Amino acid sequence: MRALDKADGFTPGTNLRAWCFAILRNLFLEQHRRGRRERIALEDYGHQPASTAESSPHTQTEMQELESLLWQISPLLREALVLVGAKELTYAEAAEICEVEVGTMKARVSRARAALKKVMAAQDQKNGPEGS
């Protein structure tokens, strides 16, 4: 898809295979960088002491449940939600970190919140009324 999208950048008479390989290589590197940024953000999230978590065992359990639920949504959505929600970055700051437009970051956070609600609802149905 990227090769078709960038077809105007191909110079006729050059090696098409090498050009496509360069696109795949750049895609791989981009995904690798994004994954590294996500791991760093999530590691920071996991190591920050939450002042409210120390106040009661019930709150600590809720935080563990939230973390478990976060791992059930896609990595892109989780990254957006952690950066904006947990790290309290602005949409612009989070968009800069992820190298996307601000509107894309807003959409990711919105989809992440919806996905998290869906996962929570599924968890509540699975646990039944005794889990409430």
N, C-alpha and C. Protein backbone atom coordinates (compact mmCIF):
# COMPACT_ATOMS: atom_id res chain seq x y z
N MET A 1 0.83 -1.20 0.00
CA MET A 1 0.00 0.00 0.00
C MET A 1 0.87 1.26 0.00
N ARG A 2 1.95 1.21 0.76
CA ARG A 2 2.82 2.38 0.79
C ARG A 2 3.48 2.63 -0.56
N ALA A 3 3.87 1.55 -1.24
CA ALA A 3 4.50 1.69 -2.55
C ALA A 3 3.52 2.32 -3.53
N LEU A 4 2.27 1.89 -3.48
CA LEU A 4 1.26 2.49 -4.36
C LEU A 4 1.02 3.94 -4.00
N ASP A 5 1.02 4.23 -2.72
CA ASP A 5 0.81 5.60 -2.26
C ASP A 5 1.96 6.52 -2.69
N LYS A 6 3.17 5.96 -2.73
CA LYS A 6 4.36 6.75 -3.07
C LYS A 6 4.83 6.50 -4.50
N ALA A 7 3.96 5.99 -5.36
CA ALA A 7 4.35 5.63 -6.73
C ALA A 7 4.95 6.81 -7.50
N ASP A 8 4.52 8.02 -7.19
CA ASP A 8 5.07 9.18 -7.89
C ASP A 8 6.54 9.42 -7.52
N GLY A 9 7.02 8.81 -6.46
CA GLY A 9 8.41 8.95 -6.04
C GLY A 9 9.35 7.96 -6.71
N PHE A 10 8.78 7.00 -7.44
CA PHE A 10 9.62 6.01 -8.14
C PHE A 10 10.12 6.59 -9.45
N THR A 11 11.42 6.41 -9.70
CA THR A 11 12.03 6.88 -10.94
C THR A 11 12.05 5.73 -11.94
N PRO A 12 11.31 5.87 -13.05
CA PRO A 12 11.33 4.81 -14.06
C PRO A 12 12.75 4.52 -14.53
N GLY A 13 13.03 3.25 -14.74
CA GLY A 13 14.35 2.84 -15.18
C GLY A 13 15.26 2.42 -14.04
N THR A 14 14.83 2.69 -12.78
CA THR A 14 15.63 2.25 -11.63
C THR A 14 15.08 0.92 -11.15
N ASN A 15 15.72 0.35 -10.17
CA ASN A 15 15.37 -0.97 -9.66
C ASN A 15 14.12 -0.89 -8.77
N LEU A 16 13.00 -1.40 -9.29
CA LEU A 16 11.73 -1.37 -8.55
C LEU A 16 11.81 -2.21 -7.28
N ARG A 17 12.48 -3.34 -7.36
CA ARG A 17 12.60 -4.21 -6.20
C ARG A 17 13.36 -3.51 -5.06
N ALA A 18 14.45 -2.85 -5.39
CA ALA A 18 15.24 -2.13 -4.38
C ALA A 18 14.42 -0.98 -3.79
N TRP A 19 13.64 -0.32 -4.62
CA TRP A 19 12.80 0.79 -4.16
C TRP A 19 11.75 0.28 -3.17
N CYS A 20 11.11 -0.84 -3.49
CA CYS A 20 10.11 -1.45 -2.60
C CYS A 20 10.77 -1.93 -1.30
N PHE A 21 11.96 -2.49 -1.42
CA PHE A 21 12.67 -2.94 -0.23
C PHE A 21 12.97 -1.75 0.69
N ALA A 22 13.34 -0.61 0.12
CA ALA A 22 13.62 0.58 0.92
C ALA A 22 12.36 1.02 1.68
N ILE A 23 11.21 0.92 1.03
CA ILE A 23 9.95 1.28 1.69
C ILE A 23 9.69 0.33 2.86
N LEU A 24 9.89 -0.97 2.64
CA LEU A 24 9.69 -1.96 3.72
C LEU A 24 10.66 -1.73 4.87
N ARG A 25 11.90 -1.40 4.53
CA ARG A 25 12.91 -1.14 5.56
C ARG A 25 12.50 0.07 6.40
N ASN A 26 12.07 1.13 5.74
CA ASN A 26 11.65 2.33 6.47
C ASN A 26 10.44 2.05 7.35
N LEU A 27 9.51 1.22 6.85
CA LEU A 27 8.35 0.84 7.65
C LEU A 27 8.79 0.07 8.89
N PHE A 28 9.71 -0.87 8.71
CA PHE A 28 10.21 -1.64 9.84
C PHE A 28 10.86 -0.73 10.88
N LEU A 29 11.71 0.18 10.43
CA LEU A 29 12.39 1.09 11.36
C LEU A 29 11.40 1.99 12.09
N GLU A 30 10.38 2.45 11.37
CA GLU A 30 9.36 3.30 11.98
C GLU A 30 8.62 2.53 13.07
N GLN A 31 8.25 1.29 12.79
CA GLN A 31 7.55 0.48 13.79
C GLN A 31 8.45 0.17 14.98
N HIS A 32 9.72 -0.06 14.72
CA HIS A 32 10.67 -0.33 15.80
C HIS A 32 10.81 0.89 16.71
N ARG A 33 10.93 2.07 16.12
CA ARG A 33 11.04 3.29 16.93
C ARG A 33 9.77 3.51 17.74
N ARG A 34 8.62 3.30 17.10
CA ARG A 34 7.35 3.49 17.80
C ARG A 34 7.23 2.50 18.96
N GLY A 35 7.65 1.26 18.74
CA GLY A 35 7.60 0.25 19.80
C GLY A 35 8.51 0.62 20.96
N ARG A 36 9.69 1.15 20.65
CA ARG A 36 10.63 1.56 21.70
C ARG A 36 10.02 2.69 22.52
N ARG A 37 9.42 3.67 21.84
CA ARG A 37 8.79 4.79 22.56
C ARG A 37 7.65 4.29 23.45
N GLU A 38 6.89 3.32 22.93
CA GLU A 38 5.79 2.78 23.71
C GLU A 38 6.31 2.05 24.94
N ARG A 39 7.36 1.25 24.78
CA ARG A 39 7.92 0.52 25.92
C ARG A 39 8.43 1.49 26.97
N ILE A 40 9.10 2.55 26.55
CA ILE A 40 9.63 3.54 27.50
C ILE A 40 8.49 4.21 28.25
N ALA A 41 7.45 4.61 27.53
CA ALA A 41 6.31 5.26 28.17
C ALA A 41 5.63 4.33 29.15
N LEU A 42 5.47 3.07 28.77
CA LEU A 42 4.79 2.12 29.66
C LEU A 42 5.66 1.74 30.85
N GLU A 43 6.98 1.68 30.65
CA GLU A 43 7.88 1.40 31.78
C GLU A 43 7.82 2.54 32.78
N ASP A 44 7.83 3.78 32.27
CA ASP A 44 7.72 4.93 33.17
C ASP A 44 6.40 4.89 33.92
N TYR A 45 5.35 4.53 33.22
CA TYR A 45 4.02 4.44 33.84
C TYR A 45 4.03 3.41 34.96
N GLY A 46 4.65 2.27 34.70
CA GLY A 46 4.68 1.20 35.67
C GLY A 46 5.54 1.49 36.88
N HIS A 47 6.53 2.38 36.75
CA HIS A 47 7.45 2.65 37.86
C HIS A 47 7.08 3.87 38.68
N GLN A 48 6.09 4.63 38.22
CA GLN A 48 5.72 5.82 38.98
C GLN A 48 4.84 5.41 40.16
N PRO A 49 5.24 5.80 41.36
CA PRO A 49 4.39 5.47 42.51
C PRO A 49 3.14 6.34 42.49
N ALA A 50 2.01 5.72 42.62
CA ALA A 50 0.75 6.46 42.66
C ALA A 50 0.44 6.77 44.12
N SER A 51 0.31 8.03 44.43
CA SER A 51 0.10 8.42 45.82
C SER A 51 -1.22 7.86 46.35
N THR A 52 -2.24 7.74 45.47
CA THR A 52 -3.51 7.21 45.93
C THR A 52 -3.44 5.70 46.13
N ALA A 53 -2.54 5.03 45.41
CA ALA A 53 -2.44 3.58 45.54
C ALA A 53 -1.92 3.20 46.92
N GLU A 54 -1.19 4.09 47.56
CA GLU A 54 -0.65 3.80 48.88
C GLU A 54 -1.70 3.99 49.96
N SER A 55 -2.80 4.68 49.63
CA SER A 55 -3.77 5.01 50.66
C SER A 55 -4.60 3.82 51.11
N SER A 56 -4.92 2.89 50.19
CA SER A 56 -5.71 1.74 50.62
C SER A 56 -5.44 0.54 49.71
N PRO A 57 -5.57 -0.65 50.26
CA PRO A 57 -5.39 -1.86 49.44
C PRO A 57 -6.44 -1.95 48.33
N HIS A 58 -7.65 -1.42 48.60
CA HIS A 58 -8.71 -1.45 47.60
C HIS A 58 -8.31 -0.64 46.37
N THR A 59 -7.73 0.54 46.58
CA THR A 59 -7.29 1.39 45.48
C THR A 59 -6.16 0.72 44.71
N GLN A 60 -5.27 0.06 45.41
CA GLN A 60 -4.17 -0.64 44.76
C GLN A 60 -4.70 -1.76 43.87
N THR A 61 -5.71 -2.47 44.33
CA THR A 61 -6.33 -3.53 43.53
C THR A 61 -6.97 -2.94 42.28
N GLU A 62 -7.63 -1.81 42.44
CA GLU A 62 -8.25 -1.14 41.28
C GLU A 62 -7.21 -0.74 40.25
N MET A 63 -6.07 -0.26 40.71
CA MET A 63 -4.99 0.12 39.78
C MET A 63 -4.46 -1.10 39.04
N GLN A 64 -4.34 -2.22 39.73
CA GLN A 64 -3.88 -3.44 39.09
C GLN A 64 -4.89 -3.92 38.06
N GLU A 65 -6.18 -3.80 38.38
CA GLU A 65 -7.23 -4.17 37.43
C GLU A 65 -7.20 -3.27 36.21
N LEU A 66 -7.00 -1.97 36.42
CA LEU A 66 -6.92 -1.03 35.30
C LEU A 66 -5.73 -1.37 34.41
N GLU A 67 -4.59 -1.66 35.02
CA GLU A 67 -3.42 -2.01 34.24
C GLU A 67 -3.68 -3.27 33.41
N SER A 68 -4.34 -4.25 34.00
CA SER A 68 -4.68 -5.48 33.29
C SER A 68 -5.60 -5.18 32.11
N LEU A 69 -6.56 -4.30 32.31
CA LEU A 69 -7.49 -3.93 31.24
C LEU A 69 -6.76 -3.16 30.13
N LEU A 70 -5.82 -2.30 30.51
CA LEU A 70 -5.07 -1.54 29.50
C LEU A 70 -4.32 -2.46 28.55
N TRP A 71 -3.81 -3.57 29.06
CA TRP A 71 -3.05 -4.49 28.22
C TRP A 71 -3.94 -5.25 27.25
N GLN A 72 -5.25 -5.10 27.40
CA GLN A 72 -6.18 -5.79 26.51
C GLN A 72 -6.58 -4.96 25.31
N ILE A 73 -6.15 -3.69 25.26
CA ILE A 73 -6.44 -2.86 24.07
C ILE A 73 -5.19 -2.79 23.21
N SER A 74 -5.35 -2.33 21.99
CA SER A 74 -4.23 -2.33 21.05
C SER A 74 -3.09 -1.43 21.53
N PRO A 75 -1.86 -1.74 21.13
CA PRO A 75 -0.71 -0.95 21.57
C PRO A 75 -0.79 0.53 21.21
N LEU A 76 -1.27 0.85 20.02
CA LEU A 76 -1.37 2.27 19.62
C LEU A 76 -2.35 3.02 20.52
N LEU A 77 -3.48 2.39 20.78
CA LEU A 77 -4.48 3.04 21.63
C LEU A 77 -4.00 3.13 23.07
N ARG A 78 -3.34 2.08 23.54
CA ARG A 78 -2.81 2.07 24.91
C ARG A 78 -1.77 3.18 25.06
N GLU A 79 -0.88 3.31 24.07
CA GLU A 79 0.15 4.36 24.12
C GLU A 79 -0.49 5.73 24.22
N ALA A 80 -1.50 5.99 23.39
CA ALA A 80 -2.17 7.29 23.40
C ALA A 80 -2.81 7.57 24.75
N LEU A 81 -3.50 6.57 25.28
CA LEU A 81 -4.19 6.75 26.55
C LEU A 81 -3.22 6.96 27.71
N VAL A 82 -2.13 6.23 27.70
CA VAL A 82 -1.13 6.39 28.78
C VAL A 82 -0.47 7.77 28.70
N LEU A 83 -0.12 8.19 27.50
CA LEU A 83 0.54 9.50 27.36
C LEU A 83 -0.37 10.64 27.79
N VAL A 84 -1.62 10.60 27.34
CA VAL A 84 -2.54 11.71 27.63
C VAL A 84 -3.18 11.54 29.01
N GLY A 85 -3.57 10.32 29.36
CA GLY A 85 -4.27 10.10 30.63
C GLY A 85 -3.34 9.98 31.82
N ALA A 86 -2.40 9.05 31.76
CA ALA A 86 -1.53 8.79 32.92
C ALA A 86 -0.38 9.79 33.01
N LYS A 87 0.24 10.10 31.89
CA LYS A 87 1.37 11.03 31.90
C LYS A 87 0.94 12.50 31.90
N GLU A 88 -0.37 12.70 31.66
CA GLU A 88 -0.95 14.05 31.65
C GLU A 88 -0.28 14.98 30.65
N LEU A 89 0.12 14.43 29.49
CA LEU A 89 0.66 15.26 28.42
C LEU A 89 -0.51 15.88 27.65
N THR A 90 -0.26 17.00 27.00
CA THR A 90 -1.28 17.57 26.13
C THR A 90 -1.35 16.71 24.87
N TYR A 91 -2.44 16.88 24.13
CA TYR A 91 -2.57 16.15 22.87
C TYR A 91 -1.40 16.50 21.94
N ALA A 92 -1.01 17.76 21.94
CA ALA A 92 0.09 18.21 21.06
C ALA A 92 1.41 17.54 21.46
N GLU A 93 1.67 17.46 22.75
CA GLU A 93 2.91 16.82 23.21
C GLU A 93 2.92 15.33 22.88
N ALA A 94 1.79 14.67 23.11
CA ALA A 94 1.68 13.24 22.81
C ALA A 94 1.80 13.00 21.31
N ALA A 95 1.20 13.87 20.51
CA ALA A 95 1.27 13.74 19.05
C ALA A 95 2.71 13.89 18.57
N GLU A 96 3.44 14.80 19.17
CA GLU A 96 4.85 15.00 18.81
C GLU A 96 5.68 13.76 19.15
N ILE A 97 5.43 13.17 20.30
CA ILE A 97 6.16 11.97 20.70
C ILE A 97 5.89 10.83 19.72
N CYS A 98 4.64 10.69 19.31
CA CYS A 98 4.24 9.59 18.42
C CYS A 98 4.42 9.93 16.93
N GLU A 99 4.84 11.15 16.67
CA GLU A 99 5.05 11.62 15.30
C GLU A 99 3.79 11.51 14.45
N VAL A 100 2.67 11.99 15.02
CA VAL A 100 1.40 12.02 14.31
C VAL A 100 0.79 13.42 14.48
N GLU A 101 -0.27 13.66 13.75
CA GLU A 101 -0.98 14.93 13.87
C GLU A 101 -1.78 14.96 15.17
N VAL A 102 -2.09 16.15 15.65
CA VAL A 102 -2.85 16.30 16.90
C VAL A 102 -4.23 15.64 16.77
N GLY A 103 -4.86 15.81 15.61
CA GLY A 103 -6.17 15.21 15.39
C GLY A 103 -6.11 13.69 15.46
N THR A 104 -5.03 13.11 14.97
CA THR A 104 -4.85 11.66 15.04
C THR A 104 -4.73 11.23 16.49
N MET A 105 -4.00 12.00 17.27
CA MET A 105 -3.84 11.66 18.69
C MET A 105 -5.17 11.76 19.42
N LYS A 106 -5.94 12.80 19.12
CA LYS A 106 -7.26 12.94 19.76
C LYS A 106 -8.15 11.75 19.40
N ALA A 107 -8.11 11.33 18.14
CA ALA A 107 -8.92 10.19 17.71
C ALA A 107 -8.46 8.91 18.41
N ARG A 108 -7.15 8.73 18.55
CA ARG A 108 -6.63 7.53 19.23
C ARG A 108 -7.07 7.48 20.68
N VAL A 109 -7.01 8.63 21.36
CA VAL A 109 -7.41 8.67 22.77
C VAL A 109 -8.90 8.37 22.88
N SER A 110 -9.69 8.93 21.99
CA SER A 110 -11.12 8.69 22.01
C SER A 110 -11.42 7.21 21.76
N ARG A 111 -10.75 6.62 20.76
CA ARG A 111 -10.95 5.19 20.49
C ARG A 111 -10.45 4.34 21.65
N ALA A 112 -9.36 4.77 22.29
CA ALA A 112 -8.82 4.02 23.42
C ALA A 112 -9.80 4.01 24.59
N ARG A 113 -10.40 5.16 24.85
CA ARG A 113 -11.39 5.23 25.94
C ARG A 113 -12.58 4.33 25.64
N ALA A 114 -13.04 4.35 24.38
CA ALA A 114 -14.17 3.50 23.99
C ALA A 114 -13.79 2.02 24.10
N ALA A 115 -12.58 1.67 23.66
CA ALA A 115 -12.12 0.28 23.74
C ALA A 115 -11.99 -0.16 25.19
N LEU A 116 -11.49 0.72 26.04
CA LEU A 116 -11.35 0.39 27.46
C LEU A 116 -12.72 0.17 28.10
N LYS A 117 -13.69 1.01 27.75
CA LYS A 117 -15.06 0.82 28.27
C LYS A 117 -15.62 -0.52 27.82
N LYS A 118 -15.35 -0.87 26.56
CA LYS A 118 -15.85 -2.13 26.02
C LYS A 118 -15.22 -3.32 26.76
N VAL A 119 -13.92 -3.24 27.00
CA VAL A 119 -13.22 -4.31 27.72
C VAL A 119 -13.73 -4.40 29.15
N MET A 120 -13.98 -3.25 29.77
CA MET A 120 -14.50 -3.24 31.14
C MET A 120 -15.91 -3.85 31.19
N ALA A 121 -16.74 -3.53 30.20
CA ALA A 121 -18.09 -4.08 30.15
C ALA A 121 -18.04 -5.59 29.97
N ALA A 122 -17.15 -6.06 29.11
CA ALA A 122 -17.00 -7.50 28.89
C ALA A 122 -16.52 -8.18 30.17
N GLN A 123 -15.62 -7.53 30.89
CA GLN A 123 -15.10 -8.07 32.15
C GLN A 123 -16.22 -8.15 33.19
N ASP A 124 -17.05 -7.10 33.24
CA ASP A 124 -18.17 -7.09 34.19
C ASP A 124 -19.17 -8.20 33.86
N GLN A 125 -19.44 -8.42 32.57
CA GLN A 125 -20.36 -9.50 32.18
C GLN A 125 -19.78 -10.86 32.54
N LYS A 126 -18.48 -10.99 32.36
CA LYS A 126 -17.81 -12.26 32.67
C LYS A 126 -17.86 -12.55 34.16
N ASN A 127 -17.66 -11.51 34.96
CA ASN A 127 -17.66 -11.67 36.42
C ASN A 127 -19.06 -11.81 36.99
N GLY A 128 -20.04 -11.31 36.28
CA GLY A 128 -21.42 -11.43 36.74
C GLY A 128 -21.71 -10.47 37.88
N PRO A 129 -22.89 -10.58 38.47
CA PRO A 129 -23.29 -9.65 39.53
C PRO A 129 -22.47 -9.78 40.80
N GLU A 130 -21.89 -10.96 41.06
CA GLU A 130 -21.10 -11.10 42.29
C GLU A 130 -19.79 -10.33 42.19
N GLY A 131 -19.30 -9.98 40.96
CA GLY A 131 -18.04 -9.24 40.82
C GLY A 131 -18.20 -7.76 41.06
N SER A 132 -19.46 -7.28 41.12
CA SER A 132 -19.71 -5.85 41.30
C SER A 132 -19.64 -5.43 42.73
